[in-house]
């Protein structure tokens, strides 16, 4: 029997809700970048919750692991996991509000006919909740499964519950690593710098190609 995709109505255009939450994502990312180089209290639970928002959006460049390990050194493990999870819930809501409509735009629906996509969805739909929990808890890359769920309009409340079930114990264990092993701060800072560097290395060729194509178009 041929597998049929869930009946998700295509979106003809993006509404104001998408633009609002998309702009909010960008704004929070900018503010977080400023706070990282400012005098913000880095042992503040408020900072942890705020940082966890851009660190857990679907297109994030902010790593959450070093920050949770750091908080395990200076703060309560349970509160650290709780506040980080709170920020992750906010990120999950924004992701869902933005990417469900974006991935169901009528003029990009051809990707759903691709064999790889249909095969991935056929496996995902057998255990969607368990898949989100496992990939959200383990080192398996989480973002591909986020996008698969967004593309089929997976219910927001189920997605958020899966986030809590997966991320809270992950955050607690990361904080526990910081508490148990007292990883030096310079290692945590270097790990963040390396991650940002890797993203930059990936982005430079893409930006260069786009800029070159634009210049050729103008000439």
N, C-alpha and C. Protein backbone atom coordinates (compact mmCIF):
# COMPACT_ATOMS: atom_id res chain seq x y z
N UNK A 1 0.84 -1.20 0.00
CA UNK A 1 0.00 0.00 0.00
C UNK A 1 0.88 1.25 0.00
N UNK A 2 0.59 2.19 -0.88
CA UNK A 2 1.36 3.42 -0.98
C UNK A 2 1.10 4.29 0.24
N UNK A 3 2.16 4.91 0.74
CA UNK A 3 2.03 5.78 1.91
C UNK A 3 1.50 7.13 1.47
N UNK A 4 0.54 7.66 2.19
CA UNK A 4 -0.03 8.97 1.90
C UNK A 4 0.36 9.94 3.00
N UNK A 5 0.82 11.11 2.58
CA UNK A 5 1.20 12.14 3.54
C UNK A 5 -0.02 12.69 4.26
N UNK A 6 0.14 13.19 5.48
CA UNK A 6 -0.98 13.81 6.19
C UNK A 6 -1.56 14.96 5.37
N UNK A 7 -2.84 15.18 5.53
CA UNK A 7 -3.54 16.21 4.77
C UNK A 7 -3.33 17.57 5.43
N UNK A 8 -2.26 18.27 5.00
CA UNK A 8 -1.96 19.60 5.51
C UNK A 8 -2.25 20.60 4.40
N UNK A 9 -3.10 21.56 4.70
CA UNK A 9 -3.49 22.54 3.69
C UNK A 9 -2.32 23.47 3.35
N UNK A 10 -1.97 23.61 2.06
CA UNK A 10 -0.89 24.54 1.68
C UNK A 10 -1.25 25.98 2.04
N UNK A 11 -0.24 26.76 2.30
CA UNK A 11 -0.40 28.17 2.63
C UNK A 11 -0.02 29.00 1.42
N UNK A 12 -0.89 29.91 1.01
CA UNK A 12 -0.61 30.73 -0.17
C UNK A 12 0.32 31.89 0.14
N UNK A 13 0.26 32.43 1.35
CA UNK A 13 1.16 33.50 1.75
C UNK A 13 1.35 33.49 3.26
N UNK A 14 2.44 34.08 3.69
CA UNK A 14 2.76 34.11 5.11
C UNK A 14 2.03 35.26 5.79
N UNK A 15 1.34 34.95 6.87
CA UNK A 15 0.56 35.95 7.59
C UNK A 15 1.39 36.75 8.57
N UNK A 16 0.79 37.72 9.24
CA UNK A 16 1.52 38.58 10.19
C UNK A 16 2.09 37.82 11.38
N UNK A 17 1.46 36.71 11.77
CA UNK A 17 1.97 35.93 12.91
C UNK A 17 3.37 35.40 12.59
N UNK A 18 3.55 34.92 11.35
CA UNK A 18 4.85 34.38 10.95
C UNK A 18 5.91 35.47 10.98
N UNK A 19 5.58 36.64 10.43
CA UNK A 19 6.54 37.73 10.39
C UNK A 19 6.85 38.25 11.79
N UNK A 20 5.84 38.25 12.67
CA UNK A 20 6.06 38.70 14.05
C UNK A 20 7.03 37.79 14.77
N UNK A 21 6.77 36.48 14.74
CA UNK A 21 7.63 35.56 15.46
C UNK A 21 9.00 35.42 14.79
N UNK A 22 9.03 35.52 13.46
CA UNK A 22 10.31 35.50 12.78
C UNK A 22 11.17 36.69 13.16
N UNK A 23 10.56 37.87 13.20
CA UNK A 23 11.30 39.06 13.62
C UNK A 23 11.73 38.96 15.07
N UNK A 24 10.88 38.35 15.91
CA UNK A 24 11.22 38.19 17.32
C UNK A 24 12.42 37.26 17.48
N UNK A 25 12.50 36.22 16.66
CA UNK A 25 13.66 35.33 16.69
C UNK A 25 14.94 36.10 16.42
N UNK A 26 14.91 36.90 15.37
CA UNK A 26 16.10 37.68 15.00
C UNK A 26 16.47 38.65 16.11
N UNK A 27 15.47 39.34 16.67
CA UNK A 27 15.72 40.31 17.73
C UNK A 27 16.34 39.65 18.96
N UNK A 28 15.80 38.52 19.37
CA UNK A 28 16.33 37.83 20.54
C UNK A 28 17.76 37.35 20.27
N UNK A 29 18.02 36.90 19.05
CA UNK A 29 19.37 36.48 18.70
C UNK A 29 20.36 37.63 18.80
N UNK A 30 19.96 38.82 18.34
CA UNK A 30 20.83 40.00 18.41
C UNK A 30 21.07 40.41 19.87
N UNK A 31 19.99 40.46 20.65
CA UNK A 31 20.12 40.83 22.07
C UNK A 31 21.01 39.84 22.81
N UNK A 32 20.84 38.56 22.53
CA UNK A 32 21.67 37.53 23.18
C UNK A 32 23.13 37.71 22.83
N UNK A 33 23.42 38.03 21.56
CA UNK A 33 24.80 38.26 21.15
C UNK A 33 25.41 39.43 21.92
N UNK A 34 24.62 40.49 22.11
CA UNK A 34 25.10 41.66 22.85
C UNK A 34 25.36 41.30 24.31
N UNK A 35 24.42 40.55 24.91
CA UNK A 35 24.56 40.18 26.32
C UNK A 35 25.78 39.29 26.55
N UNK A 36 26.11 38.45 25.56
CA UNK A 36 27.25 37.56 25.71
C UNK A 36 28.55 38.34 25.87
N UNK A 37 28.61 39.56 25.32
CA UNK A 37 29.83 40.35 25.40
C UNK A 37 29.68 41.53 26.37
N UNK A 38 28.60 41.53 27.15
CA UNK A 38 28.35 42.60 28.09
C UNK A 38 28.60 42.18 29.52
N UNK A 39 28.00 42.93 30.44
CA UNK A 39 28.19 42.68 31.87
C UNK A 39 27.01 41.96 32.49
N UNK A 40 26.27 41.22 31.67
CA UNK A 40 25.10 40.50 32.19
C UNK A 40 25.56 39.45 33.19
N UNK A 41 24.71 39.16 34.17
CA UNK A 41 25.06 38.17 35.19
C UNK A 41 24.94 36.77 34.60
N UNK A 42 26.08 36.15 34.36
CA UNK A 42 26.09 34.86 33.69
C UNK A 42 25.72 33.70 34.60
N UNK A 43 25.52 33.99 35.89
CA UNK A 43 25.00 32.94 36.77
C UNK A 43 23.53 33.19 37.09
N UNK A 44 22.88 34.04 36.27
CA UNK A 44 21.46 34.37 36.48
C UNK A 44 20.57 33.36 35.76
N UNK A 45 19.57 32.85 36.44
CA UNK A 45 18.62 31.92 35.80
C UNK A 45 17.85 32.63 34.69
N UNK A 46 17.61 33.93 34.87
CA UNK A 46 16.93 34.69 33.82
C UNK A 46 17.76 34.69 32.54
N UNK A 47 19.07 34.88 32.69
CA UNK A 47 19.95 34.83 31.52
C UNK A 47 19.89 33.46 30.88
N UNK A 48 19.92 32.41 31.68
CA UNK A 48 19.88 31.05 31.15
C UNK A 48 18.61 30.81 30.35
N UNK A 49 17.47 31.23 30.90
CA UNK A 49 16.20 31.06 30.19
C UNK A 49 16.20 31.86 28.90
N UNK A 50 16.70 33.10 28.96
CA UNK A 50 16.72 33.96 27.78
C UNK A 50 17.66 33.39 26.72
N UNK A 51 18.83 32.94 27.12
CA UNK A 51 19.81 32.36 26.19
C UNK A 51 19.26 31.09 25.54
N UNK A 52 18.48 30.34 26.30
CA UNK A 52 17.96 29.07 25.80
C UNK A 52 16.95 29.25 24.66
N UNK A 53 16.43 30.46 24.50
CA UNK A 53 15.49 30.69 23.40
C UNK A 53 16.21 30.64 22.06
N UNK A 54 17.20 31.53 21.80
CA UNK A 54 17.88 31.42 20.51
C UNK A 54 18.72 30.16 20.37
N UNK A 55 19.13 29.57 21.50
CA UNK A 55 19.94 28.35 21.44
C UNK A 55 19.12 27.15 21.00
N UNK A 56 17.79 27.29 20.98
CA UNK A 56 16.95 26.13 20.65
C UNK A 56 15.97 26.39 19.51
N UNK A 57 16.11 27.53 18.84
CA UNK A 57 15.30 27.72 17.64
C UNK A 57 15.84 26.82 16.53
N UNK A 58 15.02 26.61 15.52
CA UNK A 58 15.35 25.62 14.50
C UNK A 58 16.57 25.99 13.67
N UNK A 59 16.90 27.28 13.59
CA UNK A 59 18.06 27.70 12.81
C UNK A 59 19.06 28.40 13.72
N UNK A 60 19.34 27.81 14.86
CA UNK A 60 20.19 28.44 15.87
C UNK A 60 21.67 28.26 15.56
N UNK A 61 22.47 29.25 15.98
CA UNK A 61 23.92 29.12 15.95
C UNK A 61 24.50 29.20 17.37
N UNK A 62 23.61 29.25 18.37
CA UNK A 62 24.05 29.34 19.76
C UNK A 62 24.05 27.96 20.40
N UNK A 63 25.20 27.46 20.83
CA UNK A 63 25.25 26.13 21.47
C UNK A 63 24.76 26.21 22.92
N UNK A 64 23.92 25.25 23.32
CA UNK A 64 23.43 25.28 24.70
C UNK A 64 24.30 24.44 25.63
N UNK A 65 25.05 23.49 25.08
CA UNK A 65 25.78 22.57 25.93
C UNK A 65 26.81 23.26 26.84
N UNK A 66 27.70 24.11 26.32
CA UNK A 66 28.68 24.75 27.22
C UNK A 66 28.04 25.60 28.30
N UNK A 67 26.93 26.25 27.98
CA UNK A 67 26.26 27.12 28.95
C UNK A 67 25.67 26.29 30.08
N UNK A 68 25.04 25.16 29.74
CA UNK A 68 24.48 24.30 30.80
C UNK A 68 25.58 23.71 31.67
N UNK A 69 26.70 23.33 31.05
CA UNK A 69 27.83 22.80 31.84
C UNK A 69 28.35 23.88 32.80
N UNK A 70 28.42 25.12 32.31
CA UNK A 70 28.86 26.22 33.17
C UNK A 70 27.90 26.41 34.35
N UNK A 71 26.61 26.40 34.08
CA UNK A 71 25.63 26.60 35.15
C UNK A 71 25.68 25.46 36.16
N UNK A 72 26.07 24.29 35.71
CA UNK A 72 26.22 23.18 36.65
C UNK A 72 27.31 23.43 37.67
N UNK A 73 28.25 24.29 37.31
CA UNK A 73 29.35 24.63 38.22
C UNK A 73 28.94 25.67 39.25
N UNK A 74 27.99 26.55 38.89
CA UNK A 74 27.73 27.72 39.74
C UNK A 74 26.30 27.80 40.26
N UNK A 75 25.43 26.89 39.83
CA UNK A 75 24.01 27.02 40.20
C UNK A 75 23.41 25.65 40.51
N UNK A 76 22.18 25.68 40.97
CA UNK A 76 21.45 24.46 41.30
C UNK A 76 21.11 23.70 40.02
N UNK A 77 21.33 22.39 40.04
CA UNK A 77 21.14 21.58 38.83
C UNK A 77 19.68 21.57 38.38
N UNK A 78 18.77 21.38 39.33
CA UNK A 78 17.35 21.28 38.98
C UNK A 78 16.82 22.61 38.44
N UNK A 79 17.21 23.70 39.10
CA UNK A 79 16.75 25.01 38.63
C UNK A 79 17.35 25.35 37.28
N UNK A 80 18.59 24.96 37.06
CA UNK A 80 19.22 25.21 35.76
C UNK A 80 18.47 24.49 34.65
N UNK A 81 18.14 23.22 34.89
CA UNK A 81 17.40 22.45 33.88
C UNK A 81 16.01 23.02 33.67
N UNK A 82 15.38 23.49 34.76
CA UNK A 82 14.02 24.03 34.66
C UNK A 82 13.98 25.32 33.85
N UNK A 83 14.90 26.25 34.15
CA UNK A 83 14.90 27.53 33.45
C UNK A 83 15.32 27.37 32.00
N UNK A 84 16.25 26.48 31.73
CA UNK A 84 16.64 26.22 30.34
C UNK A 84 15.48 25.61 29.56
N UNK A 85 14.73 24.75 30.21
CA UNK A 85 13.56 24.15 29.57
C UNK A 85 12.50 25.19 29.28
N UNK A 86 12.32 26.14 30.21
CA UNK A 86 11.35 27.21 30.00
C UNK A 86 11.69 28.01 28.74
N UNK A 87 12.98 28.35 28.57
CA UNK A 87 13.39 29.05 27.36
C UNK A 87 13.19 28.21 26.12
N UNK A 88 13.39 26.91 26.25
CA UNK A 88 13.21 26.01 25.11
C UNK A 88 11.75 25.94 24.69
N UNK A 89 10.84 26.00 25.65
CA UNK A 89 9.41 26.00 25.32
C UNK A 89 9.06 27.24 24.49
N UNK A 90 9.60 28.39 24.90
CA UNK A 90 9.36 29.62 24.13
C UNK A 90 9.90 29.46 22.72
N UNK A 91 11.10 28.90 22.59
CA UNK A 91 11.69 28.67 21.27
C UNK A 91 10.82 27.72 20.44
N UNK A 92 10.29 26.69 21.10
CA UNK A 92 9.44 25.72 20.40
C UNK A 92 8.17 26.36 19.86
N UNK A 93 7.58 27.25 20.63
CA UNK A 93 6.37 27.95 20.17
C UNK A 93 6.69 28.81 18.96
N UNK A 94 7.79 29.57 19.03
CA UNK A 94 8.18 30.43 17.90
C UNK A 94 8.49 29.60 16.66
N UNK A 95 9.24 28.52 16.84
CA UNK A 95 9.55 27.64 15.72
C UNK A 95 8.29 27.16 15.02
N UNK A 96 7.35 26.67 15.82
CA UNK A 96 6.13 26.10 15.27
C UNK A 96 5.32 27.16 14.53
N UNK A 97 5.22 28.35 15.11
CA UNK A 97 4.45 29.42 14.50
C UNK A 97 5.05 29.89 13.17
N UNK A 98 6.38 29.79 13.07
CA UNK A 98 7.05 30.26 11.85
C UNK A 98 7.17 29.17 10.81
N UNK A 99 7.69 28.01 11.20
CA UNK A 99 8.11 27.03 10.21
C UNK A 99 7.00 26.11 9.71
N UNK A 100 5.94 25.94 10.47
CA UNK A 100 4.81 25.17 9.92
C UNK A 100 4.24 25.89 8.69
N UNK A 101 3.93 27.19 8.76
CA UNK A 101 3.47 27.87 7.55
C UNK A 101 4.54 27.93 6.45
N UNK A 102 5.79 28.21 6.82
CA UNK A 102 6.85 28.35 5.82
C UNK A 102 7.03 27.06 5.03
N UNK A 103 7.07 25.94 5.73
CA UNK A 103 7.30 24.66 5.06
C UNK A 103 6.07 24.14 4.32
N UNK A 104 4.96 24.83 4.51
CA UNK A 104 3.74 24.44 3.79
C UNK A 104 3.28 25.52 2.81
N UNK A 105 4.23 26.39 2.42
CA UNK A 105 3.93 27.36 1.37
C UNK A 105 3.62 26.64 0.06
N UNK A 106 2.62 27.09 -0.61
CA UNK A 106 2.16 26.41 -1.81
C UNK A 106 3.24 26.33 -2.89
N UNK A 107 4.04 27.38 -3.01
CA UNK A 107 5.01 27.40 -4.11
C UNK A 107 6.29 26.63 -3.83
N UNK A 108 6.41 25.97 -2.67
CA UNK A 108 7.59 25.13 -2.42
C UNK A 108 7.20 23.68 -2.10
N UNK A 109 5.98 23.33 -2.41
CA UNK A 109 5.48 22.00 -2.05
C UNK A 109 6.12 20.85 -2.83
N UNK A 110 6.90 21.17 -3.85
CA UNK A 110 7.49 20.10 -4.67
C UNK A 110 8.44 19.22 -3.86
N UNK A 111 9.02 19.77 -2.78
CA UNK A 111 9.95 18.95 -1.98
C UNK A 111 9.25 17.76 -1.34
N UNK A 112 7.93 17.87 -1.15
CA UNK A 112 7.20 16.77 -0.52
C UNK A 112 7.01 15.58 -1.47
N UNK A 113 7.30 15.78 -2.73
CA UNK A 113 7.21 14.68 -3.69
C UNK A 113 8.53 13.93 -3.82
N UNK A 114 9.57 14.44 -3.22
CA UNK A 114 10.87 13.78 -3.30
C UNK A 114 10.83 12.45 -2.55
N UNK A 115 11.50 11.48 -3.13
CA UNK A 115 11.48 10.13 -2.55
C UNK A 115 12.08 10.11 -1.14
N UNK A 116 13.19 10.83 -0.95
CA UNK A 116 13.83 10.84 0.36
C UNK A 116 12.89 11.40 1.42
N UNK A 117 12.21 12.50 1.08
CA UNK A 117 11.28 13.11 2.04
C UNK A 117 10.15 12.15 2.39
N UNK A 118 9.56 11.54 1.37
CA UNK A 118 8.42 10.65 1.62
C UNK A 118 8.83 9.44 2.44
N UNK A 119 10.04 8.95 2.19
CA UNK A 119 10.52 7.81 2.96
C UNK A 119 10.77 8.21 4.41
N UNK A 120 11.38 9.40 4.59
CA UNK A 120 11.64 9.88 5.96
C UNK A 120 10.35 10.08 6.72
N UNK A 121 9.35 10.65 6.06
CA UNK A 121 8.06 10.87 6.72
C UNK A 121 7.37 9.56 7.05
N UNK A 122 7.51 8.58 6.17
CA UNK A 122 6.86 7.29 6.43
C UNK A 122 7.42 6.64 7.69
N UNK A 123 8.72 6.81 7.94
CA UNK A 123 9.32 6.29 9.17
C UNK A 123 8.93 7.15 10.36
N UNK A 124 8.98 8.47 10.18
CA UNK A 124 8.66 9.37 11.28
C UNK A 124 7.25 9.15 11.81
N UNK A 125 6.30 8.96 10.92
CA UNK A 125 4.90 8.87 11.32
C UNK A 125 4.57 7.58 12.06
N UNK A 126 5.50 6.63 12.09
CA UNK A 126 5.27 5.43 12.89
C UNK A 126 5.39 5.76 14.39
N UNK A 127 6.39 6.58 14.73
CA UNK A 127 6.61 6.96 16.13
C UNK A 127 7.06 8.42 16.20
N UNK A 128 6.22 9.37 15.81
CA UNK A 128 6.67 10.78 15.77
C UNK A 128 7.07 11.32 17.14
N UNK A 129 6.27 11.04 18.17
CA UNK A 129 6.58 11.57 19.50
C UNK A 129 7.87 10.96 20.03
N UNK A 130 7.99 9.64 19.92
CA UNK A 130 9.20 8.96 20.42
C UNK A 130 10.44 9.42 19.65
N UNK A 131 10.28 9.66 18.36
CA UNK A 131 11.41 10.13 17.55
C UNK A 131 11.88 11.49 18.02
N UNK A 132 10.94 12.39 18.30
CA UNK A 132 11.30 13.71 18.80
C UNK A 132 12.00 13.61 20.16
N UNK A 133 11.50 12.74 21.03
CA UNK A 133 12.10 12.59 22.36
C UNK A 133 13.52 12.04 22.26
N UNK A 134 13.70 11.00 21.47
CA UNK A 134 15.03 10.37 21.36
C UNK A 134 16.04 11.32 20.74
N UNK A 135 15.66 11.98 19.64
CA UNK A 135 16.60 12.88 18.98
C UNK A 135 16.80 14.18 19.76
N UNK A 136 15.81 14.56 20.57
CA UNK A 136 15.95 15.75 21.40
C UNK A 136 16.82 15.50 22.63
N UNK A 137 16.91 14.26 23.06
CA UNK A 137 17.69 13.92 24.25
C UNK A 137 19.11 13.52 23.92
N UNK A 138 19.29 12.78 22.84
CA UNK A 138 20.59 12.23 22.49
C UNK A 138 21.39 13.22 21.62
N UNK A 139 22.65 12.89 21.33
CA UNK A 139 23.46 13.76 20.45
C UNK A 139 23.04 13.71 18.98
N UNK A 140 22.06 12.89 18.63
CA UNK A 140 21.58 12.85 17.25
C UNK A 140 21.09 14.25 16.86
N UNK A 141 21.49 14.76 15.69
CA UNK A 141 21.00 16.09 15.26
C UNK A 141 19.48 16.17 15.31
N UNK A 142 18.99 17.20 16.00
CA UNK A 142 17.56 17.33 16.26
C UNK A 142 16.82 18.08 15.15
N UNK A 143 17.51 19.06 14.51
CA UNK A 143 16.80 19.97 13.61
C UNK A 143 16.16 19.29 12.40
N UNK A 144 16.73 18.20 11.82
CA UNK A 144 16.03 17.59 10.68
C UNK A 144 14.66 17.03 11.07
N UNK A 145 14.56 16.50 12.28
CA UNK A 145 13.29 15.93 12.73
C UNK A 145 12.30 17.02 13.11
N UNK A 146 12.83 18.16 13.59
CA UNK A 146 11.96 19.32 13.79
C UNK A 146 11.28 19.70 12.49
N UNK A 147 12.09 19.85 11.44
CA UNK A 147 11.55 20.30 10.16
C UNK A 147 10.58 19.29 9.56
N UNK A 148 10.87 18.01 9.74
CA UNK A 148 9.93 16.99 9.25
C UNK A 148 8.58 17.14 9.95
N UNK A 149 8.62 17.34 11.27
CA UNK A 149 7.37 17.50 12.01
C UNK A 149 6.65 18.79 11.63
N UNK A 150 7.40 19.85 11.44
CA UNK A 150 6.77 21.11 11.02
C UNK A 150 6.13 20.96 9.64
N UNK A 151 6.77 20.19 8.76
CA UNK A 151 6.26 20.05 7.40
C UNK A 151 4.92 19.32 7.34
N UNK A 152 4.62 18.54 8.36
CA UNK A 152 3.34 17.81 8.38
C UNK A 152 2.35 18.44 9.36
N UNK A 153 2.73 19.61 9.91
CA UNK A 153 1.83 20.28 10.84
C UNK A 153 1.61 19.52 12.13
N UNK A 154 2.68 18.92 12.66
CA UNK A 154 2.57 18.18 13.92
C UNK A 154 2.01 19.11 14.99
N UNK A 155 1.03 18.66 15.77
CA UNK A 155 0.36 19.54 16.75
C UNK A 155 1.34 20.22 17.71
N UNK A 156 1.10 21.48 17.97
CA UNK A 156 2.00 22.26 18.82
C UNK A 156 2.13 21.66 20.21
N UNK A 157 1.00 21.28 20.83
CA UNK A 157 1.06 20.81 22.20
C UNK A 157 1.86 19.52 22.32
N UNK A 158 1.74 18.64 21.31
CA UNK A 158 2.52 17.40 21.33
C UNK A 158 4.01 17.70 21.15
N UNK A 159 4.29 18.65 20.28
CA UNK A 159 5.69 19.03 20.05
C UNK A 159 6.31 19.59 21.32
N UNK A 160 5.57 20.44 22.03
CA UNK A 160 6.10 21.04 23.25
C UNK A 160 6.29 20.00 24.36
N UNK A 161 5.37 19.07 24.47
CA UNK A 161 5.53 18.00 25.47
C UNK A 161 6.77 17.18 25.17
N UNK A 162 6.97 16.86 23.89
CA UNK A 162 8.16 16.10 23.49
C UNK A 162 9.44 16.87 23.83
N UNK A 163 9.41 18.19 23.63
CA UNK A 163 10.57 19.01 23.98
C UNK A 163 10.88 18.92 25.47
N UNK A 164 9.86 19.04 26.29
CA UNK A 164 10.07 18.99 27.74
C UNK A 164 10.61 17.62 28.16
N UNK A 165 10.00 16.56 27.65
CA UNK A 165 10.42 15.20 28.02
C UNK A 165 11.86 14.94 27.58
N UNK A 166 12.25 15.48 26.43
CA UNK A 166 13.60 15.24 25.91
C UNK A 166 14.64 16.17 26.51
N UNK A 167 14.31 17.44 26.57
CA UNK A 167 15.32 18.44 26.91
C UNK A 167 15.59 18.56 28.40
N UNK A 168 14.57 18.44 29.26
CA UNK A 168 14.82 18.61 30.69
C UNK A 168 15.88 17.64 31.20
N UNK A 169 15.77 16.34 30.96
CA UNK A 169 16.83 15.44 31.45
C UNK A 169 18.17 15.69 30.76
N UNK A 170 18.14 16.10 29.50
CA UNK A 170 19.40 16.42 28.80
C UNK A 170 20.08 17.60 29.48
N UNK A 171 19.32 18.64 29.81
CA UNK A 171 19.89 19.81 30.46
C UNK A 171 20.41 19.46 31.85
N UNK A 172 19.66 18.63 32.57
CA UNK A 172 20.11 18.24 33.91
C UNK A 172 21.44 17.49 33.83
N UNK A 173 21.57 16.58 32.88
CA UNK A 173 22.81 15.80 32.75
C UNK A 173 23.98 16.70 32.35
N UNK A 174 23.73 17.67 31.47
CA UNK A 174 24.80 18.60 31.10
C UNK A 174 25.25 19.42 32.31
N UNK A 175 24.28 19.90 33.09
CA UNK A 175 24.63 20.63 34.31
C UNK A 175 25.37 19.73 35.29
N UNK A 176 24.97 18.47 35.35
CA UNK A 176 25.63 17.51 36.23
C UNK A 176 27.09 17.30 35.84
N UNK A 177 27.35 17.32 34.54
CA UNK A 177 28.74 17.22 34.07
C UNK A 177 29.56 18.38 34.61
N UNK A 178 28.98 19.59 34.54
CA UNK A 178 29.69 20.76 35.06
C UNK A 178 29.92 20.68 36.55
N UNK A 179 28.92 20.16 37.27
CA UNK A 179 29.03 20.04 38.72
C UNK A 179 30.05 18.98 39.12
N UNK A 180 30.07 17.87 38.39
CA UNK A 180 30.91 16.74 38.79
C UNK A 180 32.37 16.90 38.35
N UNK A 181 32.58 17.52 37.19
CA UNK A 181 33.93 17.55 36.64
C UNK A 181 34.57 18.93 36.64
N UNK A 182 33.81 19.97 36.95
CA UNK A 182 34.35 21.32 37.05
C UNK A 182 35.22 21.66 35.83
N UNK A 183 34.61 21.58 34.67
CA UNK A 183 35.30 21.88 33.42
C UNK A 183 35.76 23.34 33.45
N UNK A 184 37.03 23.60 33.16
CA UNK A 184 37.54 24.99 33.19
C UNK A 184 36.76 25.90 32.24
N UNK A 185 36.58 27.13 32.67
CA UNK A 185 35.82 28.08 31.86
C UNK A 185 36.45 28.31 30.49
N UNK A 186 37.78 28.29 30.42
CA UNK A 186 38.42 28.57 29.13
C UNK A 186 38.09 27.49 28.10
N UNK A 187 37.88 26.27 28.55
CA UNK A 187 37.49 25.19 27.64
C UNK A 187 36.07 25.44 27.11
N UNK A 188 35.18 25.87 28.01
CA UNK A 188 33.81 26.16 27.59
C UNK A 188 33.78 27.33 26.62
N UNK A 189 34.56 28.36 26.91
CA UNK A 189 34.61 29.52 26.01
C UNK A 189 35.18 29.12 24.66
N UNK A 190 36.23 28.32 24.66
CA UNK A 190 36.83 27.88 23.40
C UNK A 190 35.87 27.02 22.59
N UNK A 191 35.09 26.20 23.28
CA UNK A 191 34.14 25.35 22.55
C UNK A 191 33.08 26.19 21.86
N UNK A 192 32.62 27.26 22.54
CA UNK A 192 31.66 28.18 21.91
C UNK A 192 32.29 28.87 20.72
N UNK A 193 33.55 29.32 20.88
CA UNK A 193 34.24 30.01 19.79
C UNK A 193 34.44 29.09 18.59
N UNK A 194 34.77 27.84 18.84
CA UNK A 194 34.96 26.87 17.75
C UNK A 194 33.66 26.65 17.01
N UNK A 195 32.56 26.52 17.74
CA UNK A 195 31.26 26.29 17.10
C UNK A 195 30.88 27.48 16.23
N UNK A 196 31.06 28.69 16.76
CA UNK A 196 30.78 29.89 15.96
C UNK A 196 31.70 29.95 14.73
N UNK A 197 32.96 29.53 14.91
CA UNK A 197 33.91 29.52 13.80
C UNK A 197 33.49 28.56 12.70
N UNK A 198 33.00 27.40 13.10
CA UNK A 198 32.54 26.41 12.11
C UNK A 198 31.36 26.94 11.32
N UNK A 199 30.43 27.59 12.02
CA UNK A 199 29.29 28.20 11.32
C UNK A 199 29.77 29.27 10.34
N UNK A 200 30.76 30.06 10.77
CA UNK A 200 31.27 31.12 9.90
C UNK A 200 31.94 30.54 8.66
N UNK A 201 32.72 29.48 8.84
CA UNK A 201 33.39 28.83 7.71
C UNK A 201 32.38 28.30 6.71
N UNK A 202 31.28 27.75 7.22
CA UNK A 202 30.23 27.26 6.34
C UNK A 202 29.51 28.39 5.62
N UNK A 203 29.33 29.51 6.32
CA UNK A 203 28.54 30.60 5.77
C UNK A 203 29.30 31.40 4.72
N UNK A 204 30.63 31.54 4.85
CA UNK A 204 31.40 32.39 3.95
C UNK A 204 31.25 31.99 2.48
N UNK A 205 31.42 30.68 2.11
CA UNK A 205 31.25 30.33 0.70
C UNK A 205 29.85 30.62 0.18
N UNK A 206 28.84 30.40 1.02
CA UNK A 206 27.46 30.66 0.60
C UNK A 206 27.25 32.15 0.34
N UNK A 207 27.73 32.99 1.25
CA UNK A 207 27.59 34.44 1.08
C UNK A 207 28.37 34.90 -0.15
N UNK A 208 29.56 34.36 -0.35
CA UNK A 208 30.38 34.73 -1.51
C UNK A 208 29.69 34.37 -2.81
N UNK A 209 29.10 33.16 -2.87
CA UNK A 209 28.40 32.74 -4.08
C UNK A 209 27.19 33.62 -4.35
N UNK A 210 26.44 33.93 -3.28
CA UNK A 210 25.27 34.79 -3.45
C UNK A 210 25.68 36.17 -3.93
N UNK A 211 26.76 36.70 -3.36
CA UNK A 211 27.23 38.02 -3.75
C UNK A 211 27.71 38.03 -5.20
N UNK A 212 28.43 36.93 -5.58
CA UNK A 212 28.89 36.83 -6.96
C UNK A 212 27.75 36.75 -7.94
N UNK A 213 26.72 35.95 -7.60
CA UNK A 213 25.57 35.82 -8.48
C UNK A 213 24.83 37.14 -8.61
N UNK A 214 24.78 37.90 -7.53
CA UNK A 214 24.11 39.20 -7.56
C UNK A 214 24.86 40.19 -8.44
N UNK A 215 26.20 40.18 -8.35
CA UNK A 215 27.00 41.09 -9.16
C UNK A 215 26.90 40.75 -10.63
N UNK A 216 26.88 39.45 -10.95
CA UNK A 216 26.73 39.03 -12.34
C UNK A 216 25.36 39.45 -12.87
N UNK A 217 24.36 39.38 -12.01
CA UNK A 217 23.02 39.77 -12.41
C UNK A 217 22.92 41.26 -12.72
N UNK A 218 23.69 42.05 -11.95
CA UNK A 218 23.67 43.50 -12.16
C UNK A 218 24.42 43.91 -13.43
N UNK A 219 25.45 43.10 -13.80
CA UNK A 219 26.20 43.42 -14.99
C UNK A 219 25.56 42.82 -16.23
